[in-house]
């Protein structure tokens, strides 16, 4: 869910994986691996990516909590 939400928001903002990676000082496969679910994203990385793509992490956490209940 997190991976697909990040990918959707990135696309909605009109940013490529390469553009997001460049802002983070990473290579494009870093973002591709997160979005594909091949790599887990830690909280610090999630917050950094969220800032770039204007992603509401709190809303995501609420959604995840609702699913878990």
Protein backbone atom coordinates (compact mmCIF):
# COMPACT_ATOMS: atom_id res chain seq x y z
CA UNK A 1 0.00 0.00 0.00
CA UNK A 2 2.78 2.46 0.87
CA UNK A 3 4.71 1.73 -2.31
CA UNK A 4 1.72 2.18 -4.60
CA UNK A 5 0.60 5.32 -2.77
CA UNK A 6 4.05 6.87 -3.17
CA UNK A 7 4.16 5.98 -6.86
CA UNK A 8 0.68 7.39 -7.47
CA UNK A 9 1.46 10.65 -5.72
CA UNK A 10 4.78 11.02 -7.52
CA UNK A 11 3.06 10.57 -10.87
CA UNK A 12 0.27 12.97 -9.85
CA UNK A 13 2.92 15.61 -9.16
CA UNK A 14 4.39 15.02 -12.61
CA UNK A 15 7.74 13.85 -11.30
CA UNK A 16 9.81 10.98 -12.65
CA UNK A 17 11.58 8.48 -10.46
CA UNK A 18 14.85 9.96 -11.66
CA UNK A 19 13.82 13.47 -10.63
CA UNK A 20 12.86 12.37 -7.12
CA UNK A 21 16.03 10.34 -6.79
CA UNK A 22 18.18 13.26 -7.91
CA UNK A 23 16.64 15.56 -5.29
CA UNK A 24 17.38 12.90 -2.66
CA UNK A 25 20.94 12.46 -3.90
CA UNK A 26 20.20 8.86 -4.90
CA UNK A 27 20.00 6.90 -8.14
CA UNK A 28 16.72 6.14 -9.93
CA UNK A 29 16.71 2.42 -9.02
CA UNK A 30 16.43 3.44 -5.34
CA UNK A 31 12.97 4.92 -6.02
CA UNK A 32 12.03 2.14 -8.44
CA UNK A 33 12.82 -0.51 -5.84
CA UNK A 34 10.73 1.26 -3.19
CA UNK A 35 7.79 1.71 -5.55
CA UNK A 36 7.92 -1.90 -6.71
CA UNK A 37 8.04 -3.19 -3.15
CA UNK A 38 11.47 -4.74 -3.62
CA UNK A 39 12.90 -2.42 -0.97
CA UNK A 40 11.29 -1.32 2.25
CA UNK A 41 11.34 2.37 2.97
CA UNK A 42 12.34 3.48 6.45
CA UNK A 43 10.65 6.37 8.24
CA UNK A 44 13.35 8.91 7.47
CA UNK A 45 13.32 7.99 3.77
CA UNK A 46 9.52 8.06 3.73
CA UNK A 47 9.47 11.55 5.20
CA UNK A 48 12.12 12.77 2.74
CA UNK A 49 10.23 11.38 -0.25
CA UNK A 50 6.91 12.66 1.10
CA UNK A 51 8.27 16.19 1.32
CA UNK A 52 9.39 16.10 -2.31
CA UNK A 53 6.11 14.72 -3.68
CA UNK A 54 3.81 16.55 -1.24
CA UNK A 55 2.56 13.29 0.25
CA UNK A 56 0.45 13.22 3.44
CA UNK A 57 2.14 10.59 5.60
CA UNK A 58 -0.30 11.15 8.48
CA UNK A 59 -3.27 10.36 6.23
CA UNK A 60 -1.48 7.22 5.05
CA UNK A 61 -0.92 6.10 8.64
CA UNK A 62 -4.59 6.70 9.45
CA UNK A 63 -5.60 4.61 6.44
CA UNK A 64 -3.26 1.81 7.51
CA UNK A 65 -4.64 1.95 11.03
CA UNK A 66 -8.22 1.74 9.73
CA UNK A 67 -7.30 -1.32 7.67
CA UNK A 68 -5.67 -2.99 10.69
CA UNK A 69 -8.73 -2.52 12.89
